[in-house]
């Protein structure tokens, strides 16, 4: 089942400008980092561009999930990390397939051309950011930790109650 070890970030507010998202394991034998740049503009070197129509797929390992829709907005400018964003008037989900572990997630929220308000949940349920409000042209960087575990429990031993 695909829900196994997929980090889901849910945006809950009416308007959100997600300029960038970064995920890195808190502790890992091999450092791994995912850098996503959301919206129609060109991504900065080393960042993966995520267009509004990027639905989650096993092959890509990331994308917008649960049939949610976002709109891409390009603001222009020299800084590719603040020049474009995705937004929606309804909650939307962005999922990333990751191995089990603890992850530090860093989001840049805001919009060069408008006010923004966002709430973020991890794994579709855990509130990580309650309300982040930014003025036009203002960006807020927020970091939080997410623990990803396999939600499948092994069967109990045969001699255990229920086994």
N, C-alpha and C. Protein backbone atom coordinates (compact mmCIF):
# COMPACT_ATOMS: atom_id res chain seq x y z
N UNK A 1 0.84 -1.18 0.00
CA UNK A 1 0.00 0.00 0.00
C UNK A 1 0.88 1.24 0.00
N UNK A 2 0.57 2.20 -0.78
CA UNK A 2 1.41 3.35 -1.01
C UNK A 2 1.48 4.30 0.19
N UNK A 3 0.53 4.26 1.11
CA UNK A 3 0.56 5.16 2.25
C UNK A 3 1.72 4.86 3.18
N UNK A 4 2.30 3.70 3.05
CA UNK A 4 3.43 3.31 3.86
C UNK A 4 4.61 4.24 3.58
N UNK A 5 5.05 4.93 4.59
CA UNK A 5 6.22 5.79 4.52
C UNK A 5 6.09 6.92 3.51
N UNK A 6 4.96 7.56 3.47
CA UNK A 6 4.79 8.74 2.63
C UNK A 6 4.48 9.92 3.55
N UNK A 7 5.30 10.92 3.50
CA UNK A 7 5.08 12.12 4.29
C UNK A 7 4.08 12.99 3.55
N UNK A 8 2.99 13.32 4.19
CA UNK A 8 1.97 14.16 3.58
C UNK A 8 1.92 15.49 4.32
N UNK A 9 2.07 16.55 3.58
CA UNK A 9 1.93 17.88 4.14
C UNK A 9 0.60 18.44 3.66
N UNK A 10 -0.22 18.85 4.58
CA UNK A 10 -1.53 19.38 4.23
C UNK A 10 -1.56 20.86 4.56
N UNK A 11 -1.95 21.63 3.60
CA UNK A 11 -2.11 23.06 3.77
C UNK A 11 -3.57 23.30 4.06
N UNK A 12 -3.88 24.03 5.13
CA UNK A 12 -5.26 24.16 5.57
C UNK A 12 -5.91 25.51 5.35
N UNK A 13 -5.17 26.51 5.02
CA UNK A 13 -5.75 27.84 5.00
C UNK A 13 -6.30 28.22 3.63
N UNK A 14 -6.90 29.38 3.58
CA UNK A 14 -7.53 29.83 2.34
C UNK A 14 -6.51 30.18 1.26
N UNK A 15 -5.41 30.78 1.63
CA UNK A 15 -4.41 31.18 0.65
C UNK A 15 -3.04 30.82 1.19
N UNK A 16 -2.23 30.22 0.35
CA UNK A 16 -0.87 29.88 0.75
C UNK A 16 0.06 30.10 -0.40
N UNK A 17 1.12 30.76 -0.18
CA UNK A 17 2.19 30.84 -1.17
C UNK A 17 3.35 30.02 -0.66
N UNK A 18 3.55 28.85 -1.20
CA UNK A 18 4.69 28.03 -0.81
C UNK A 18 5.75 28.25 -1.86
N UNK A 19 6.75 28.99 -1.51
CA UNK A 19 7.81 29.26 -2.47
C UNK A 19 8.76 28.08 -2.54
N UNK A 20 9.13 27.54 -1.40
CA UNK A 20 10.08 26.44 -1.39
C UNK A 20 9.78 25.49 -0.25
N UNK A 21 10.25 24.27 -0.41
CA UNK A 21 10.15 23.30 0.67
C UNK A 21 11.42 22.47 0.68
N UNK A 22 11.93 22.17 1.87
CA UNK A 22 13.16 21.41 2.01
C UNK A 22 12.94 20.35 3.07
N UNK A 23 13.35 19.12 2.77
CA UNK A 23 13.25 18.04 3.74
C UNK A 23 14.61 17.37 3.85
N UNK A 24 15.05 17.16 5.08
CA UNK A 24 16.32 16.48 5.28
C UNK A 24 16.21 15.59 6.51
N UNK A 25 16.80 14.39 6.47
CA UNK A 25 16.76 13.53 7.65
C UNK A 25 17.48 14.19 8.80
N UNK A 26 16.94 14.04 10.02
CA UNK A 26 17.59 14.59 11.20
C UNK A 26 18.85 13.78 11.48
N UNK A 27 18.74 12.45 11.39
CA UNK A 27 19.89 11.56 11.51
C UNK A 27 19.78 10.51 10.43
N UNK A 28 20.83 10.33 9.69
CA UNK A 28 20.81 9.31 8.64
C UNK A 28 22.23 8.87 8.35
N UNK A 29 22.39 7.59 7.98
CA UNK A 29 23.70 7.09 7.60
C UNK A 29 24.18 7.81 6.35
N UNK A 30 23.28 7.98 5.41
CA UNK A 30 23.60 8.69 4.18
C UNK A 30 22.75 9.95 4.13
N UNK A 31 23.37 11.12 4.16
CA UNK A 31 22.56 12.35 4.10
C UNK A 31 21.72 12.39 2.82
N UNK A 32 20.47 12.67 2.99
CA UNK A 32 19.55 12.78 1.86
C UNK A 32 18.72 14.04 2.06
N UNK A 33 18.59 14.80 1.00
CA UNK A 33 17.81 16.03 1.06
C UNK A 33 16.92 16.11 -0.16
N UNK A 34 15.69 16.54 0.04
CA UNK A 34 14.77 16.80 -1.05
C UNK A 34 14.50 18.30 -1.03
N UNK A 35 14.67 18.95 -2.16
CA UNK A 35 14.41 20.39 -2.27
C UNK A 35 13.38 20.58 -3.37
N UNK A 36 12.23 21.16 -3.01
CA UNK A 36 11.15 21.37 -3.97
C UNK A 36 10.89 22.86 -4.14
N UNK A 37 10.74 23.27 -5.38
CA UNK A 37 10.40 24.64 -5.72
C UNK A 37 9.05 24.60 -6.42
N UNK A 38 8.03 25.18 -5.80
CA UNK A 38 6.66 25.08 -6.28
C UNK A 38 6.30 26.25 -7.19
N UNK A 39 5.67 25.95 -8.31
CA UNK A 39 5.16 27.00 -9.18
C UNK A 39 5.74 26.95 -10.58
N UNK A 40 5.28 27.87 -11.44
CA UNK A 40 5.60 27.82 -12.87
C UNK A 40 6.98 28.35 -13.24
N UNK A 41 7.66 29.08 -12.40
CA UNK A 41 8.96 29.64 -12.76
C UNK A 41 10.06 28.59 -12.68
N UNK A 42 11.21 28.93 -13.25
CA UNK A 42 12.35 28.01 -13.23
C UNK A 42 12.84 27.80 -11.80
N UNK A 43 13.19 26.55 -11.49
CA UNK A 43 13.70 26.23 -10.16
C UNK A 43 15.16 26.65 -10.05
N UNK A 44 15.58 26.96 -8.85
CA UNK A 44 16.98 27.28 -8.59
C UNK A 44 17.82 26.02 -8.81
N UNK A 45 19.09 26.17 -9.13
CA UNK A 45 19.95 24.98 -9.31
C UNK A 45 19.91 24.10 -8.07
N UNK A 46 19.74 22.79 -8.28
CA UNK A 46 19.68 21.84 -7.18
C UNK A 46 18.30 21.63 -6.60
N UNK A 47 17.31 22.37 -7.08
CA UNK A 47 15.94 22.25 -6.59
C UNK A 47 15.09 21.56 -7.66
N UNK A 48 14.08 20.83 -7.24
CA UNK A 48 13.16 20.15 -8.15
C UNK A 48 11.93 21.01 -8.34
N UNK A 49 11.63 21.35 -9.58
CA UNK A 49 10.44 22.14 -9.86
C UNK A 49 9.20 21.26 -9.71
N UNK A 50 8.18 21.78 -9.02
CA UNK A 50 6.90 21.09 -8.87
C UNK A 50 5.83 22.00 -9.47
N UNK A 51 5.32 21.58 -10.63
CA UNK A 51 4.27 22.35 -11.31
C UNK A 51 2.91 22.03 -10.69
N UNK A 52 1.93 22.90 -10.86
CA UNK A 52 0.62 22.69 -10.25
C UNK A 52 -0.04 21.36 -10.61
N UNK A 53 0.22 20.81 -11.80
CA UNK A 53 -0.41 19.56 -12.21
C UNK A 53 0.35 18.31 -11.81
N UNK A 54 1.38 18.44 -10.98
CA UNK A 54 2.22 17.30 -10.60
C UNK A 54 1.49 16.43 -9.57
N UNK A 55 0.73 15.47 -10.05
CA UNK A 55 0.02 14.55 -9.15
C UNK A 55 1.01 13.54 -8.58
N UNK A 56 0.75 13.09 -7.36
CA UNK A 56 1.64 12.11 -6.73
C UNK A 56 1.70 10.84 -7.58
N UNK A 57 2.92 10.31 -7.72
CA UNK A 57 3.10 9.02 -8.39
C UNK A 57 4.21 8.27 -7.68
N UNK A 58 4.11 6.95 -7.70
CA UNK A 58 5.16 6.11 -7.10
C UNK A 58 6.48 6.35 -7.81
N UNK A 59 6.43 6.50 -9.13
CA UNK A 59 7.65 6.67 -9.91
C UNK A 59 8.39 7.95 -9.51
N UNK A 60 7.68 9.07 -9.43
CA UNK A 60 8.32 10.32 -9.04
C UNK A 60 8.65 10.32 -7.54
N UNK A 61 7.75 9.73 -6.74
CA UNK A 61 7.95 9.71 -5.29
C UNK A 61 7.49 10.97 -4.59
N UNK A 62 6.83 11.86 -5.31
CA UNK A 62 6.30 13.09 -4.73
C UNK A 62 5.19 13.62 -5.62
N UNK A 63 4.43 14.57 -5.09
CA UNK A 63 3.41 15.24 -5.89
C UNK A 63 2.21 15.62 -5.05
N UNK A 64 1.29 16.35 -5.68
CA UNK A 64 0.05 16.73 -5.01
C UNK A 64 -0.85 15.50 -4.96
N UNK A 65 -1.52 15.32 -3.84
CA UNK A 65 -2.21 14.06 -3.57
C UNK A 65 -3.70 14.27 -3.30
N UNK A 66 -4.43 13.18 -3.29
CA UNK A 66 -5.86 13.13 -2.97
C UNK A 66 -6.71 13.99 -3.91
N UNK A 67 -6.25 14.14 -5.14
CA UNK A 67 -7.03 14.87 -6.13
C UNK A 67 -7.12 16.36 -5.89
N UNK A 68 -6.29 16.90 -5.02
CA UNK A 68 -6.36 18.33 -4.75
C UNK A 68 -5.76 19.12 -5.91
N UNK A 69 -6.21 20.35 -6.04
CA UNK A 69 -5.78 21.20 -7.15
C UNK A 69 -5.18 22.48 -6.60
N UNK A 70 -4.10 22.91 -7.22
CA UNK A 70 -3.48 24.18 -6.86
C UNK A 70 -3.31 25.02 -8.11
N UNK A 71 -3.11 26.28 -7.92
CA UNK A 71 -2.84 27.21 -9.01
C UNK A 71 -1.42 27.71 -8.87
N UNK A 72 -0.69 27.72 -9.97
CA UNK A 72 0.67 28.25 -9.96
C UNK A 72 0.65 29.73 -10.29
N UNK A 73 1.47 30.49 -9.58
CA UNK A 73 1.55 31.93 -9.78
C UNK A 73 3.02 32.30 -9.97
N UNK A 74 3.32 32.98 -11.05
CA UNK A 74 4.67 33.48 -11.28
C UNK A 74 4.71 34.96 -10.98
N UNK A 75 5.64 35.38 -10.13
CA UNK A 75 5.77 36.78 -9.76
C UNK A 75 6.96 37.45 -10.44
N UNK A 76 7.85 36.64 -11.05
CA UNK A 76 9.04 37.21 -11.66
C UNK A 76 10.06 37.60 -10.60
N UNK A 77 11.12 38.19 -11.05
CA UNK A 77 12.18 38.61 -10.13
C UNK A 77 13.41 37.75 -10.29
N UNK A 78 14.52 38.23 -9.73
CA UNK A 78 15.80 37.57 -9.89
C UNK A 78 15.98 36.36 -8.99
N UNK A 79 15.27 36.30 -7.87
CA UNK A 79 15.44 35.21 -6.91
C UNK A 79 14.46 34.08 -7.23
N UNK A 80 14.93 32.96 -7.77
CA UNK A 80 14.01 31.89 -8.15
C UNK A 80 13.31 31.24 -6.95
N UNK A 81 13.80 31.44 -5.73
CA UNK A 81 13.15 30.86 -4.56
C UNK A 81 11.96 31.70 -4.08
N UNK A 82 11.82 32.90 -4.60
CA UNK A 82 10.70 33.75 -4.21
C UNK A 82 9.90 34.25 -5.41
N UNK A 83 10.19 33.76 -6.60
CA UNK A 83 9.60 34.30 -7.81
C UNK A 83 8.31 33.59 -8.23
N UNK A 84 7.97 32.47 -7.60
CA UNK A 84 6.77 31.73 -7.99
C UNK A 84 6.26 30.92 -6.79
N UNK A 85 5.02 30.47 -6.88
CA UNK A 85 4.39 29.78 -5.76
C UNK A 85 3.19 28.98 -6.25
N UNK A 86 2.62 28.21 -5.34
CA UNK A 86 1.33 27.57 -5.60
C UNK A 86 0.36 28.03 -4.51
N UNK A 87 -0.91 28.07 -4.87
CA UNK A 87 -1.92 28.53 -3.93
C UNK A 87 -3.24 27.83 -4.24
N UNK A 88 -4.15 27.88 -3.30
CA UNK A 88 -5.49 27.32 -3.48
C UNK A 88 -6.43 27.96 -2.47
N UNK A 89 -7.71 27.99 -2.80
CA UNK A 89 -8.68 28.49 -1.83
C UNK A 89 -9.24 27.35 -0.99
N UNK A 90 -8.72 26.14 -1.20
CA UNK A 90 -9.13 24.95 -0.43
C UNK A 90 -7.87 24.25 0.08
N UNK A 91 -8.00 23.43 1.11
CA UNK A 91 -6.83 22.66 1.57
C UNK A 91 -6.27 21.80 0.45
N UNK A 92 -4.95 21.65 0.43
CA UNK A 92 -4.33 20.75 -0.54
C UNK A 92 -3.22 19.96 0.11
N UNK A 93 -2.84 18.87 -0.54
CA UNK A 93 -1.89 17.92 0.00
C UNK A 93 -0.70 17.77 -0.93
N UNK A 94 0.50 17.76 -0.37
CA UNK A 94 1.71 17.45 -1.11
C UNK A 94 2.39 16.31 -0.38
N UNK A 95 2.68 15.22 -1.08
CA UNK A 95 3.24 14.03 -0.45
C UNK A 95 4.61 13.71 -1.02
N UNK A 96 5.46 13.16 -0.16
CA UNK A 96 6.81 12.75 -0.54
C UNK A 96 7.06 11.36 0.04
N UNK A 97 7.49 10.43 -0.80
CA UNK A 97 7.82 9.09 -0.34
C UNK A 97 9.22 9.12 0.25
N UNK A 98 9.32 8.79 1.53
CA UNK A 98 10.60 8.83 2.24
C UNK A 98 10.79 7.55 3.05
N UNK A 99 12.04 7.17 3.31
CA UNK A 99 12.29 6.04 4.19
C UNK A 99 11.90 6.39 5.63
N UNK A 100 11.71 5.38 6.47
CA UNK A 100 11.42 5.63 7.87
C UNK A 100 12.53 6.48 8.47
N UNK A 101 12.17 7.33 9.41
CA UNK A 101 13.17 8.14 10.09
C UNK A 101 12.60 9.45 10.56
N UNK A 102 13.46 10.27 11.10
CA UNK A 102 13.10 11.60 11.57
C UNK A 102 13.57 12.61 10.53
N UNK A 103 12.68 13.54 10.19
CA UNK A 103 12.99 14.51 9.14
C UNK A 103 12.80 15.92 9.65
N UNK A 104 13.72 16.79 9.23
CA UNK A 104 13.58 18.22 9.48
C UNK A 104 12.98 18.81 8.21
N UNK A 105 11.81 19.40 8.33
CA UNK A 105 11.12 19.99 7.19
C UNK A 105 11.19 21.51 7.34
N UNK A 106 11.67 22.16 6.30
CA UNK A 106 11.76 23.61 6.31
C UNK A 106 10.91 24.13 5.15
N UNK A 107 10.00 25.04 5.45
CA UNK A 107 9.13 25.64 4.45
C UNK A 107 9.35 27.13 4.41
N UNK A 108 9.33 27.68 3.22
CA UNK A 108 9.31 29.13 3.05
C UNK A 108 7.90 29.48 2.59
N UNK A 109 7.21 30.27 3.38
CA UNK A 109 5.82 30.63 3.10
C UNK A 109 5.75 32.12 2.81
N UNK A 110 4.90 32.49 1.87
CA UNK A 110 4.72 33.90 1.58
C UNK A 110 4.51 34.12 0.10
N UNK A 111 4.33 35.39 -0.27
CA UNK A 111 4.04 35.76 -1.65
C UNK A 111 4.59 37.16 -1.88
N UNK A 112 5.39 37.29 -2.93
CA UNK A 112 5.96 38.60 -3.26
C UNK A 112 4.88 39.61 -3.60
N UNK A 113 3.71 39.15 -4.09
CA UNK A 113 2.69 40.07 -4.54
C UNK A 113 1.41 40.12 -3.73
N UNK A 114 1.32 39.39 -2.64
CA UNK A 114 0.08 39.39 -1.88
C UNK A 114 0.26 38.84 -0.48
N UNK A 115 -0.76 39.05 0.33
CA UNK A 115 -0.75 38.51 1.69
C UNK A 115 -0.96 37.01 1.64
N UNK A 116 -0.49 36.32 2.67
CA UNK A 116 -0.60 34.87 2.71
C UNK A 116 -0.92 34.41 4.12
N UNK A 117 -1.70 33.35 4.23
CA UNK A 117 -2.00 32.73 5.53
C UNK A 117 -1.97 31.23 5.32
N UNK A 118 -1.28 30.52 6.21
CA UNK A 118 -1.13 29.07 6.03
C UNK A 118 -1.16 28.34 7.36
N UNK A 119 -1.66 27.13 7.31
CA UNK A 119 -1.54 26.16 8.39
C UNK A 119 -1.04 24.88 7.72
N UNK A 120 -0.18 24.13 8.40
CA UNK A 120 0.42 22.94 7.79
C UNK A 120 0.26 21.76 8.73
N UNK A 121 -0.17 20.63 8.15
CA UNK A 121 -0.23 19.37 8.88
C UNK A 121 0.72 18.39 8.23
N UNK A 122 1.30 17.51 9.02
CA UNK A 122 2.14 16.43 8.50
C UNK A 122 1.34 15.14 8.61
N UNK A 123 1.54 14.25 7.67
CA UNK A 123 0.86 12.97 7.62
C UNK A 123 -0.67 13.13 7.65
N UNK A 124 -1.15 14.22 7.09
CA UNK A 124 -2.58 14.52 6.95
C UNK A 124 -3.31 14.73 8.26
N UNK A 125 -2.58 14.76 9.39
CA UNK A 125 -3.31 14.87 10.64
C UNK A 125 -2.61 15.68 11.73
N UNK A 126 -1.29 15.68 11.77
CA UNK A 126 -0.58 16.33 12.87
C UNK A 126 -0.32 17.79 12.53
N UNK A 127 -0.90 18.67 13.32
CA UNK A 127 -0.74 20.11 13.09
C UNK A 127 0.70 20.52 13.41
N UNK A 128 1.39 21.01 12.42
CA UNK A 128 2.79 21.42 12.60
C UNK A 128 2.92 22.94 12.67
N UNK A 129 2.15 23.65 11.85
CA UNK A 129 2.14 25.11 11.86
C UNK A 129 0.69 25.55 11.91
N UNK A 130 0.30 26.23 12.99
CA UNK A 130 -1.11 26.56 13.15
C UNK A 130 -1.56 27.70 12.25
N UNK A 131 -0.87 28.80 12.27
CA UNK A 131 -1.27 29.92 11.41
C UNK A 131 -0.04 30.79 11.17
N UNK A 132 0.40 30.80 9.93
CA UNK A 132 1.54 31.63 9.54
C UNK A 132 0.99 32.67 8.57
N UNK A 133 1.01 33.92 8.98
CA UNK A 133 0.48 35.01 8.16
C UNK A 133 1.64 35.89 7.72
N UNK A 134 1.66 36.22 6.43
CA UNK A 134 2.69 37.12 5.91
C UNK A 134 2.03 38.25 5.12
N UNK A 135 2.65 39.40 5.17
CA UNK A 135 2.20 40.57 4.41
C UNK A 135 2.73 40.45 2.98
N UNK A 136 2.18 41.23 2.04
CA UNK A 136 2.71 41.20 0.68
C UNK A 136 4.22 41.47 0.67
N UNK A 137 4.96 40.62 -0.04
CA UNK A 137 6.40 40.77 -0.12
C UNK A 137 7.17 40.19 1.04
N UNK A 138 6.48 39.67 2.04
CA UNK A 138 7.13 39.10 3.21
C UNK A 138 7.16 37.57 3.10
N UNK A 139 8.26 36.97 3.55
CA UNK A 139 8.40 35.52 3.54
C UNK A 139 8.76 35.05 4.94
N UNK A 140 8.17 33.94 5.35
CA UNK A 140 8.44 33.36 6.66
C UNK A 140 9.01 31.96 6.46
N UNK A 141 10.12 31.69 7.11
CA UNK A 141 10.73 30.36 7.06
C UNK A 141 10.41 29.65 8.37
N UNK A 142 9.85 28.46 8.25
CA UNK A 142 9.48 27.66 9.43
C UNK A 142 10.06 26.27 9.28
N UNK A 143 10.56 25.73 10.39
CA UNK A 143 11.14 24.39 10.41
C UNK A 143 10.49 23.58 11.51
N UNK A 144 10.22 22.31 11.22
CA UNK A 144 9.67 21.39 12.21
C UNK A 144 10.16 19.99 11.92
N UNK A 145 10.05 19.11 12.90
CA UNK A 145 10.50 17.72 12.74
C UNK A 145 9.29 16.81 12.56
N UNK A 146 9.46 15.82 11.69
CA UNK A 146 8.42 14.82 11.44
C UNK A 146 9.05 13.44 11.57
N UNK A 147 8.41 12.57 12.32
CA UNK A 147 8.86 11.20 12.45
C UNK A 147 8.02 10.33 11.54
N UNK A 148 8.67 9.64 10.60
CA UNK A 148 7.97 8.76 9.67
C UNK A 148 8.23 7.31 10.09
N UNK A 149 7.12 6.57 10.31
CA UNK A 149 7.23 5.17 10.68
C UNK A 149 6.35 4.34 9.80
N UNK A 150 6.68 3.09 9.70
CA UNK A 150 5.85 2.13 9.00
C UNK A 150 4.63 1.89 9.87
N UNK A 151 3.44 2.12 9.35
CA UNK A 151 2.25 2.00 10.17
C UNK A 151 1.74 0.56 10.26
N UNK A 152 2.37 -0.38 9.60
CA UNK A 152 1.95 -1.77 9.66
C UNK A 152 2.61 -2.46 10.84
N UNK A 153 1.82 -3.09 11.68
CA UNK A 153 2.35 -3.84 12.80
C UNK A 153 2.55 -5.29 12.38
N UNK A 154 3.63 -5.92 12.84
CA UNK A 154 3.80 -7.33 12.50
C UNK A 154 2.76 -8.16 13.24
N UNK A 155 2.42 -9.34 12.74
CA UNK A 155 1.45 -10.18 13.44
C UNK A 155 2.02 -10.61 14.79
N UNK A 156 1.16 -10.80 15.79
CA UNK A 156 1.66 -11.22 17.10
C UNK A 156 2.21 -12.65 17.01
N UNK A 157 3.11 -12.99 17.94
CA UNK A 157 3.59 -14.38 17.96
C UNK A 157 2.44 -15.36 18.18
N UNK A 158 2.61 -16.58 17.71
CA UNK A 158 1.53 -17.58 17.79
C UNK A 158 1.10 -17.87 19.21
N UNK A 159 2.00 -17.72 20.19
CA UNK A 159 1.63 -18.00 21.58
C UNK A 159 1.08 -16.79 22.31
N UNK A 160 0.98 -15.65 21.63
CA UNK A 160 0.45 -14.43 22.25
C UNK A 160 -1.07 -14.42 22.16
N UNK A 161 -1.74 -13.72 23.09
CA UNK A 161 -3.20 -13.60 22.97
C UNK A 161 -3.55 -12.96 21.63
N UNK A 162 -4.46 -13.57 20.93
CA UNK A 162 -4.85 -13.07 19.62
C UNK A 162 -3.97 -13.60 18.49
N UNK A 163 -2.93 -14.37 18.84
CA UNK A 163 -1.97 -14.87 17.85
C UNK A 163 -2.41 -16.14 17.18
